[in-house]
PDB file of all heavy atoms in Angstrom:
ATOM      1  N   HIS A   1     -24.511 -74.320  91.585  1.00  0.00           N
ATOM      2  CA  HIS A   1     -24.278 -75.669  92.178  1.00  0.00           C
ATOM      3  C   HIS A   1     -24.199 -75.518  93.709  1.00  0.00           C
ATOM      4  O   HIS A   1     -24.754 -76.381  94.438  1.00  0.00           O
ATOM      5  CB  HIS A   1     -22.961 -76.205  91.616  1.00  0.00           C
ATOM      6  CG  HIS A   1     -22.602 -77.549  92.263  1.00  0.00           C
ATOM      7  ND1 HIS A   1     -23.285 -78.707  91.976  1.00  0.00           N
ATOM      8  CD2 HIS A   1     -21.623 -77.871  93.140  1.00  0.00           C
ATOM      9  CE1 HIS A   1     -22.725 -79.670  92.712  1.00  0.00           C
ATOM     10  NE2 HIS A   1     -21.711 -79.166  93.450  1.00  0.00           N
ATOM     11  N   ARG A   2     -23.499 -74.476  94.160  1.00  0.00           N
ATOM     12  CA  ARG A   2     -23.325 -74.270  95.596  1.00  0.00           C
ATOM     13  C   ARG A   2     -24.719 -73.988  96.282  1.00  0.00           C
ATOM     14  O   ARG A   2     -25.029 -74.610  97.319  1.00  0.00           O
ATOM     15  CB  ARG A   2     -22.452 -73.064  95.911  1.00  0.00           C
ATOM     16  CG  ARG A   2     -22.198 -72.842  97.343  1.00  0.00           C
ATOM     17  CD  ARG A   2     -21.178 -71.641  97.531  1.00  0.00           C
ATOM     18  NE  ARG A   2     -20.984 -71.307  98.868  1.00  0.00           N
ATOM     19  CZ  ARG A   2     -21.754 -70.414  99.512  1.00  0.00           C
ATOM     20  NH1 ARG A   2     -22.714 -69.769  98.866  1.00  0.00           N
ATOM     21  NH2 ARG A   2     -21.510 -70.102 100.776  1.00  0.00           N
ATOM     22  N   SER A   3     -25.517 -73.198  95.579  1.00  0.00           N
ATOM     23  CA  SER A   3     -26.944 -72.967  96.117  1.00  0.00           C
ATOM     24  C   SER A   3     -27.754 -74.188  96.215  1.00  0.00           C
ATOM     25  O   SER A   3     -28.490 -74.408  97.118  1.00  0.00           O
ATOM     26  CB  SER A   3     -27.605 -71.884  95.313  1.00  0.00           C
ATOM     27  OG  SER A   3     -26.881 -70.687  95.356  1.00  0.00           O
ATOM     28  N   PHE A   4     -27.564 -75.003  95.130  1.00  0.00           N
ATOM     29  CA  PHE A   4     -28.296 -76.292  95.126  1.00  0.00           C
ATOM     30  C   PHE A   4     -27.868 -77.204  96.251  1.00  0.00           C
ATOM     31  O   PHE A   4     -28.714 -77.841  96.974  1.00  0.00           O
ATOM     32  CB  PHE A   4     -28.148 -76.975  93.771  1.00  0.00           C
ATOM     33  CG  PHE A   4     -28.775 -78.264  93.638  1.00  0.00           C
ATOM     34  CD1 PHE A   4     -30.186 -78.395  93.450  1.00  0.00           C
ATOM     35  CD2 PHE A   4     -28.030 -79.486  93.633  1.00  0.00           C
ATOM     36  CE1 PHE A   4     -30.827 -79.558  93.365  1.00  0.00           C
ATOM     37  CE2 PHE A   4     -28.706 -80.713  93.556  1.00  0.00           C
ATOM     38  CZ  PHE A   4     -30.134 -80.711  93.419  1.00  0.00           C
ATOM     39  N   VAL A   5     -26.608 -77.266  96.512  1.00  0.00           N
ATOM     40  CA  VAL A   5     -26.067 -78.110  97.566  1.00  0.00           C
ATOM     41  C   VAL A   5     -26.615 -77.632  98.979  1.00  0.00           C
ATOM     42  O   VAL A   5     -27.016 -78.408  99.801  1.00  0.00           O
ATOM     43  CB  VAL A   5     -24.506 -78.112  97.602  1.00  0.00           C
ATOM     44  CG1 VAL A   5     -24.026 -78.798  98.907  1.00  0.00           C
ATOM     45  CG2 VAL A   5     -23.999 -78.809  96.371  1.00  0.00           C
ATOM     46  N   ILE A   6     -26.583 -76.271  99.166  1.00  0.00           N
ATOM     47  CA  ILE A   6     -27.085 -75.767 100.399  1.00  0.00           C
ATOM     48  C   ILE A   6     -28.577 -76.105 100.605  1.00  0.00           C
ATOM     49  O   ILE A   6     -28.975 -76.468 101.663  1.00  0.00           O
ATOM     50  CB  ILE A   6     -26.902 -74.217 100.489  1.00  0.00           C
ATOM     51  CG1 ILE A   6     -25.353 -73.904 100.583  1.00  0.00           C
ATOM     52  CG2 ILE A   6     -27.677 -73.614 101.641  1.00  0.00           C
ATOM     53  CD1 ILE A   6     -25.044 -72.438 100.495  1.00  0.00           C
ATOM     54  N   LEU A   7     -29.318 -75.971  99.509  1.00  0.00           N
ATOM     55  CA  LEU A   7     -30.748 -76.342  99.582  1.00  0.00           C
ATOM     56  C   LEU A   7     -30.926 -77.732  99.958  1.00  0.00           C
ATOM     57  O   LEU A   7     -31.793 -78.092 100.811  1.00  0.00           O
ATOM     58  CB  LEU A   7     -31.425 -75.998  98.241  1.00  0.00           C
ATOM     59  CG  LEU A   7     -32.901 -76.445  98.141  1.00  0.00           C
ATOM     60  CD1 LEU A   7     -33.663 -75.681  99.196  1.00  0.00           C
ATOM     61  CD2 LEU A   7     -33.357 -76.177  96.692  1.00  0.00           C
ATOM     62  N   ILE A   8     -30.191 -78.661  99.385  1.00  0.00           N
ATOM     63  CA  ILE A   8     -30.314 -80.090  99.604  1.00  0.00           C
ATOM     64  C   ILE A   8     -29.931 -80.433 101.021  1.00  0.00           C
ATOM     65  O   ILE A   8     -30.636 -81.138 101.774  1.00  0.00           O
ATOM     66  CB  ILE A   8     -29.487 -80.906  98.651  1.00  0.00           C
ATOM     67  CG1 ILE A   8     -30.006 -80.801  97.219  1.00  0.00           C
ATOM     68  CG2 ILE A   8     -29.396 -82.390  99.078  1.00  0.00           C
ATOM     69  CD1 ILE A   8     -31.403 -81.331  97.050  1.00  0.00           C
ATOM     70  N   LEU A   9     -28.856 -79.775 101.568  1.00  0.00           N
ATOM     71  CA  LEU A   9     -28.446 -80.010 102.915  1.00  0.00           C
ATOM     72  C   LEU A   9     -29.508 -79.526 103.885  1.00  0.00           C
ATOM     73  O   LEU A   9     -29.739 -80.148 104.926  1.00  0.00           O
ATOM     74  CB  LEU A   9     -27.105 -79.311 103.207  1.00  0.00           C
ATOM     75  CG  LEU A   9     -25.862 -79.890 102.578  1.00  0.00           C
ATOM     76  CD1 LEU A   9     -24.632 -79.006 102.825  1.00  0.00           C
ATOM     77  CD2 LEU A   9     -25.628 -81.297 103.087  1.00  0.00           C
ATOM     78  N   GLY A  10     -30.138 -78.392 103.546  1.00  0.00           N
ATOM     79  CA  GLY A  10     -31.252 -77.905 104.395  1.00  0.00           C
ATOM     80  C   GLY A  10     -32.360 -78.868 104.466  1.00  0.00           C
ATOM     81  O   GLY A  10     -32.960 -79.120 105.502  1.00  0.00           O
ATOM     82  N   LEU A  11     -32.739 -79.445 103.311  1.00  0.00           N
ATOM     83  CA  LEU A  11     -33.825 -80.415 103.295  1.00  0.00           C
ATOM     84  C   LEU A  11     -33.482 -81.644 104.054  1.00  0.00           C
ATOM     85  O   LEU A  11     -34.325 -82.242 104.751  1.00  0.00           O
ATOM     86  CB  LEU A  11     -34.197 -80.731 101.774  1.00  0.00           C
ATOM     87  CG  LEU A  11     -34.781 -79.627 101.012  1.00  0.00           C
ATOM     88  CD1 LEU A  11     -34.919 -80.019  99.549  1.00  0.00           C
ATOM     89  CD2 LEU A  11     -36.131 -79.179 101.582  1.00  0.00           C
ATOM     90  N   VAL A  12     -32.208 -82.080 103.948  1.00  0.00           N
ATOM     91  CA  VAL A  12     -31.819 -83.304 104.685  1.00  0.00           C
ATOM     92  C   VAL A  12     -31.862 -83.010 106.197  1.00  0.00           C
ATOM     93  O   VAL A  12     -32.362 -83.881 106.981  1.00  0.00           O
ATOM     94  CB  VAL A  12     -30.376 -83.659 104.257  1.00  0.00           C
ATOM     95  CG1 VAL A  12     -29.839 -84.772 105.211  1.00  0.00           C
ATOM     96  CG2 VAL A  12     -30.345 -84.233 102.890  1.00  0.00           C
ATOM     97  N   LEU A  13     -31.460 -81.827 106.635  1.00  0.00           N
ATOM     98  CA  LEU A  13     -31.484 -81.526 108.036  1.00  0.00           C
ATOM     99  C   LEU A  13     -32.907 -81.487 108.584  1.00  0.00           C
ATOM    100  O   LEU A  13     -33.202 -81.960 109.671  1.00  0.00           O
ATOM    101  CB  LEU A  13     -30.789 -80.162 108.310  1.00  0.00           C
ATOM    102  CG  LEU A  13     -30.483 -79.805 109.713  1.00  0.00           C
ATOM    103  CD1 LEU A  13     -29.652 -80.837 110.386  1.00  0.00           C
ATOM    104  CD2 LEU A  13     -29.827 -78.425 109.829  1.00  0.00           C
ATOM    105  N   TYR A  14     -33.808 -80.889 107.751  1.00  0.00           N
ATOM    106  CA  TYR A  14     -35.208 -80.890 108.178  1.00  0.00           C
ATOM    107  C   TYR A  14     -35.850 -82.262 108.250  1.00  0.00           C
ATOM    108  O   TYR A  14     -36.585 -82.506 109.148  1.00  0.00           O
ATOM    109  CB  TYR A  14     -36.033 -80.101 107.177  1.00  0.00           C
ATOM    110  CG  TYR A  14     -36.114 -78.609 107.335  1.00  0.00           C
ATOM    111  CD1 TYR A  14     -36.036 -77.730 106.286  1.00  0.00           C
ATOM    112  CD2 TYR A  14     -36.363 -78.101 108.665  1.00  0.00           C
ATOM    113  CE1 TYR A  14     -36.129 -76.362 106.500  1.00  0.00           C
ATOM    114  CE2 TYR A  14     -36.451 -76.723 108.838  1.00  0.00           C
ATOM    115  CZ  TYR A  14     -36.335 -75.870 107.754  1.00  0.00           C
ATOM    116  OH  TYR A  14     -36.414 -74.507 107.937  1.00  0.00           O
ATOM    117  N   ALA A  15     -35.529 -83.120 107.337  1.00  0.00           N
ATOM    118  CA  ALA A  15     -36.236 -84.351 107.088  1.00  0.00           C
ATOM    119  C   ALA A  15     -36.107 -85.218 108.266  1.00  0.00           C
ATOM    120  O   ALA A  15     -34.995 -85.529 108.787  1.00  0.00           O
ATOM    121  CB  ALA A  15     -35.757 -85.001 105.817  1.00  0.00           C
ATOM    122  N   ALA A  16     -37.187 -85.765 108.794  1.00  0.00           N
ATOM    123  CA  ALA A  16     -37.165 -86.759 109.803  1.00  0.00           C
ATOM    124  C   ALA A  16     -38.130 -87.855 109.387  1.00  0.00           C
ATOM    125  O   ALA A  16     -39.148 -87.576 108.772  1.00  0.00           O
ATOM    126  CB  ALA A  16     -37.634 -86.182 111.146  1.00  0.00           C
ATOM    127  N   PRO A  17     -37.828 -89.135 109.694  1.00  0.00           N
ATOM    128  CA  PRO A  17     -38.771 -90.191 109.290  1.00  0.00           C
ATOM    129  C   PRO A  17     -40.120 -89.901 109.886  1.00  0.00           C
ATOM    130  O   PRO A  17     -40.268 -89.422 111.004  1.00  0.00           O
ATOM    131  CB  PRO A  17     -38.106 -91.439 109.926  1.00  0.00           C
ATOM    132  CG  PRO A  17     -36.637 -91.025 110.081  1.00  0.00           C
ATOM    133  CD  PRO A  17     -36.623 -89.602 110.381  1.00  0.00           C
ATOM    134  N   SER A  18     -41.140 -90.210 109.094  1.00  0.00           N
ATOM    135  CA  SER A  18     -42.530 -90.043 109.607  1.00  0.00           C
ATOM    136  C   SER A  18     -42.790 -90.955 110.835  1.00  0.00           C
ATOM    137  O   SER A  18     -42.253 -91.989 110.954  1.00  0.00           O
ATOM    138  CB  SER A  18     -43.550 -90.307 108.498  1.00  0.00           C
ATOM    139  OG  SER A  18     -43.391 -91.613 108.053  1.00  0.00           O
ATOM    140  N   ILE A  19     -43.656 -90.499 111.685  1.00  0.00           N
ATOM    141  CA  ILE A  19     -43.953 -91.200 112.977  1.00  0.00           C
ATOM    142  C   ILE A  19     -45.495 -91.471 112.974  1.00  0.00           C
ATOM    143  O   ILE A  19     -46.275 -90.610 112.897  1.00  0.00           O
ATOM    144  CB  ILE A  19     -43.584 -90.338 114.185  1.00  0.00           C
ATOM    145  CG1 ILE A  19     -42.094 -89.946 114.084  1.00  0.00           C
ATOM    146  CG2 ILE A  19     -43.809 -91.095 115.480  1.00  0.00           C
ATOM    147  CD1 ILE A  19     -41.643 -88.945 115.162  1.00  0.00           C
ATOM    148  N   ALA A  20     -45.792 -92.707 113.155  1.00  0.00           N
ATOM    149  CA  ALA A  20     -47.159 -93.125 113.384  1.00  0.00           C
ATOM    150  C   ALA A  20     -47.664 -92.582 114.765  1.00  0.00           C
ATOM    151  O   ALA A  20     -46.897 -92.421 115.696  1.00  0.00           O
ATOM    152  CB  ALA A  20     -47.362 -94.596 113.308  1.00  0.00           C
ATOM    153  N   ALA A  21     -48.947 -92.270 114.851  1.00  0.00           N
ATOM    154  CA  ALA A  21     -49.477 -91.667 116.040  1.00  0.00           C
ATOM    155  C   ALA A  21     -49.273 -92.518 117.237  1.00  0.00           C
ATOM    156  O   ALA A  21     -49.168 -92.015 118.370  1.00  0.00           O
ATOM    157  CB  ALA A  21     -50.939 -91.330 115.866  1.00  0.00           C
ATOM    158  N   ASP A  22     -49.204 -93.876 117.130  1.00  0.00           N
ATOM    159  CA  ASP A  22     -49.127 -94.676 118.265  1.00  0.00           C
ATOM    160  C   ASP A  22     -47.688 -95.208 118.495  1.00  0.00           C
ATOM    161  O   ASP A  22     -47.448 -96.002 119.418  1.00  0.00           O
ATOM    162  CB  ASP A  22     -50.018 -95.935 118.065  1.00  0.00           C
ATOM    163  CG  ASP A  22     -49.723 -96.775 116.807  1.00  0.00           C
ATOM    164  OD1 ASP A  22     -48.912 -96.211 116.001  1.00  0.00           O
ATOM    165  OD2 ASP A  22     -50.251 -97.887 116.689  1.00  0.00           O
ATOM    166  N   GLU A  23     -46.708 -94.664 117.758  1.00  0.00           N
ATOM    167  CA  GLU A  23     -45.297 -95.036 117.998  1.00  0.00           C
ATOM    168  C   GLU A  23     -44.808 -94.408 119.228  1.00  0.00           C
ATOM    169  O   GLU A  23     -45.146 -93.226 119.555  1.00  0.00           O
ATOM    170  CB  GLU A  23     -44.445 -94.639 116.772  1.00  0.00           C
ATOM    171  CG  GLU A  23     -44.471 -95.605 115.615  1.00  0.00           C
ATOM    172  CD  GLU A  23     -43.315 -95.390 114.642  1.00  0.00           C
ATOM    173  OE1 GLU A  23     -42.224 -95.988 114.910  1.00  0.00           O
ATOM    174  OE2 GLU A  23     -43.508 -94.648 113.723  1.00  0.00           O
ATOM    175  N   THR A  24     -43.918 -95.073 119.895  1.00  0.00           N
ATOM    176  CA  THR A  24     -43.380 -94.553 121.138  1.00  0.00           C
ATOM    177  C   THR A  24     -42.074 -95.226 121.412  1.00  0.00           C
ATOM    178  O   THR A  24     -41.593 -96.146 120.662  1.00  0.00           O
ATOM    179  CB  THR A  24     -44.356 -94.748 122.334  1.00  0.00           C
ATOM    180  OG1 THR A  24     -43.837 -94.103 123.462  1.00  0.00           O
ATOM    181  CG2 THR A  24     -44.485 -96.265 122.673  1.00  0.00           C
ATOM    182  N   ILE A  25     -41.433 -94.821 122.477  1.00  0.00           N
ATOM    183  CA  ILE A  25     -40.188 -95.427 122.984  1.00  0.00           C
ATOM    184  C   ILE A  25     -40.557 -96.087 124.316  1.00  0.00           C
ATOM    185  O   ILE A  25     -40.975 -95.360 125.222  1.00  0.00           O
ATOM    186  CB  ILE A  25     -39.047 -94.392 123.136  1.00  0.00           C
ATOM    187  CG1 ILE A  25     -38.718 -93.723 121.823  1.00  0.00           C
ATOM    188  CG2 ILE A  25     -37.782 -95.070 123.693  1.00  0.00           C
ATOM    189  CD1 ILE A  25     -37.625 -92.668 121.932  1.00  0.00           C
ATOM    190  N   PRO A  26     -40.371 -97.329 124.513  1.00  0.00           N
ATOM    191  CA  PRO A  26     -40.726 -98.023 125.790  1.00  0.00           C
ATOM    192  C   PRO A  26     -39.999 -97.270 126.938  1.00  0.00           C
ATOM    193  O   PRO A  26     -38.762 -97.012 126.874  1.00  0.00           O
ATOM    194  CB  PRO A  26     -40.325 -99.423 125.600  1.00  0.00           C
ATOM    195  CG  PRO A  26     -40.291 -99.619 124.166  1.00  0.00           C
ATOM    196  CD  PRO A  26     -39.812 -98.323 123.485  1.00  0.00           C
ATOM    197  N   ALA A  27     -40.687 -97.012 128.025  1.00  0.00           N
ATOM    198  CA  ALA A  27     -40.050 -96.522 129.236  1.00  0.00           C
ATOM    199  C   ALA A  27     -38.975 -97.485 129.693  1.00  0.00           C
ATOM    200  O   ALA A  27     -39.195 -98.709 129.682  1.00  0.00           O
ATOM    201  CB  ALA A  27     -41.065 -96.296 130.353  1.00  0.00           C
TER     202      ALA A  27
END
């Protein structure tokens, strides 16, 4: 169970919402 929790936390930390090529933050 502990190993499974560590794995899930690692995946959560890695995961970032996908970004479209033209997405940006306005200056």
